[in-house]
């Protein structure tokens, strides 16, 4: 495959200048900034929530061993909550990604691609 065939412009049938113009548009920069404003905090939240279980089990074992429902303790509930948190974040990301895709499609439509 030649260098020209591997460029995004060759894949979309446009030319490199059109793609460079899109990258320089304020709308494109705003789209990337919006994605970062969503993705970075979500990743930080996920990591903090995930490692919180390890922290609490390691350093606050008495709290985590406290029974809530019979033999089910806080540690079990916290671990189970991580599944729901991950599913919730996946659902939220799907909604936001659809909005980002619509914004990208609008930006490409302005350039007639």
Protein backbone atom coordinates (compact mmCIF):
# COMPACT_ATOMS: atom_id res chain seq x y z
CA UNK A 1 0.00 0.00 0.00
CA UNK A 2 1.46 3.35 -0.97
CA UNK A 3 1.71 6.31 1.36
CA UNK A 4 -1.07 8.12 -0.50
CA UNK A 5 -3.45 5.18 -0.08
CA UNK A 6 -2.91 5.04 3.69
CA UNK A 7 -3.92 8.66 4.36
CA UNK A 8 -7.38 9.44 5.70
CA UNK A 9 -8.09 11.59 2.66
CA UNK A 10 -7.54 8.63 0.35
CA UNK A 11 -9.95 6.54 2.42
CA UNK A 12 -12.70 9.16 2.27
CA UNK A 13 -12.13 10.23 -1.30
CA UNK A 14 -11.25 13.82 -0.27
CA UNK A 15 -7.94 15.58 -0.31
CA UNK A 16 -5.54 16.35 2.50
CA UNK A 17 -6.37 20.06 2.46
CA UNK A 18 -10.01 19.35 3.32
CA UNK A 19 -9.00 17.23 6.32
CA UNK A 20 -6.47 19.86 7.43
CA UNK A 21 -9.22 22.49 7.24
CA UNK A 22 -11.47 20.34 9.42
CA UNK A 23 -8.75 19.86 12.02
CA UNK A 24 -8.17 23.61 12.19
CA UNK A 25 -11.86 24.49 12.63
CA UNK A 26 -12.95 25.73 16.06
CA UNK A 27 -15.87 23.29 15.99
CA UNK A 28 -13.46 20.36 15.69
CA UNK A 29 -11.35 21.66 18.56
CA UNK A 30 -14.52 22.15 20.62
CA UNK A 31 -15.59 18.57 19.86
CA UNK A 32 -12.23 17.19 21.00
CA UNK A 33 -12.33 19.36 24.12
CA UNK A 34 -15.85 18.14 24.94
CA UNK A 35 -14.74 14.53 24.55
CA UNK A 36 -11.78 15.14 26.88
CA UNK A 37 -14.02 16.87 29.44
CA UNK A 38 -16.16 13.75 29.52
CA UNK A 39 -13.63 10.94 29.15
CA UNK A 40 -10.92 12.10 31.56
CA UNK A 41 -13.21 12.58 34.59
CA UNK A 42 -14.96 9.28 33.84
CA UNK A 43 -11.64 7.44 33.75
CA UNK A 44 -10.49 9.10 36.97
CA UNK A 45 -13.80 8.28 38.68
CA UNK A 46 -13.64 4.67 37.52
CA UNK A 47 -10.08 4.19 38.78
CA UNK A 48 -10.77 5.85 42.13
CA UNK A 49 -13.93 3.78 42.62
CA UNK A 50 -12.18 0.56 41.60
CA UNK A 51 -9.17 1.06 43.87
CA UNK A 52 -11.35 2.32 46.74
CA UNK A 53 -12.43 -1.27 47.40
CA UNK A 54 -8.83 -2.38 47.69
CA UNK A 55 -8.03 0.58 49.93
CA UNK A 56 -10.97 0.00 52.27
CA UNK A 57 -10.41 -3.75 52.50
CA UNK A 58 -6.71 -3.19 53.18
CA UNK A 59 -6.89 -0.28 55.60
CA UNK A 60 -10.43 -0.28 57.04
CA UNK A 61 -11.20 -3.95 57.36
CA UNK A 62 -13.41 -3.54 60.44
CA UNK A 63 -15.72 -1.23 58.48
CA UNK A 64 -15.82 -3.54 55.46
CA UNK A 65 -16.55 -6.63 57.61
CA UNK A 66 -19.64 -4.98 59.11
CA UNK A 67 -22.69 -7.16 58.27
CA UNK A 68 -25.53 -5.52 56.39
CA UNK A 69 -27.90 -8.35 55.43
CA UNK A 70 -27.17 -11.57 57.27
CA UNK A 71 -23.69 -12.68 56.24
CA UNK A 72 -23.48 -10.09 53.46
CA UNK A 73 -21.09 -7.36 54.53
CA UNK A 74 -20.16 -3.94 53.18
CA UNK A 75 -17.21 -5.33 51.22
CA UNK A 76 -19.49 -7.69 49.26
CA UNK A 77 -21.94 -4.88 48.52
CA UNK A 78 -19.15 -2.54 47.48
CA UNK A 79 -17.70 -5.19 45.14
CA UNK A 80 -21.14 -5.82 43.66
CA UNK A 81 -21.70 -2.11 43.21
CA UNK A 82 -18.66 -1.97 40.93
CA UNK A 83 -20.55 -4.04 38.34
CA UNK A 84 -23.47 -1.61 38.40
CA UNK A 85 -21.12 1.36 38.29
CA UNK A 86 -19.34 -0.08 35.22
CA UNK A 87 -22.65 -0.81 33.47
CA UNK A 88 -23.89 2.69 34.29
CA UNK A 89 -20.74 4.27 32.96
CA UNK A 90 -20.96 2.16 29.79
CA UNK A 91 -24.57 3.28 29.28
CA UNK A 92 -23.60 6.91 29.87
CA UNK A 93 -20.66 6.62 27.48
CA UNK A 94 -22.89 5.15 24.77
CA UNK A 95 -25.22 8.14 25.04
CA UNK A 96 -22.37 10.65 24.99
CA UNK A 97 -20.58 8.85 22.15
CA UNK A 98 -23.75 9.05 20.06
CA UNK A 99 -23.84 12.80 20.65
CA UNK A 100 -20.16 13.08 19.71
CA UNK A 101 -20.82 11.06 16.55
CA UNK A 102 -23.68 13.37 15.59
CA UNK A 103 -21.48 16.42 16.11
CA UNK A 104 -18.73 14.86 13.99
CA UNK A 105 -21.23 14.01 11.24
CA UNK A 106 -22.47 17.60 11.24
CA UNK A 107 -18.91 18.86 10.98
CA UNK A 108 -18.22 16.55 8.04
CA UNK A 109 -21.50 17.55 6.39
CA UNK A 110 -20.38 21.20 6.48
CA UNK A 111 -17.33 20.16 4.48
CA UNK A 112 -19.50 18.07 2.11
CA UNK A 113 -17.75 14.78 2.93
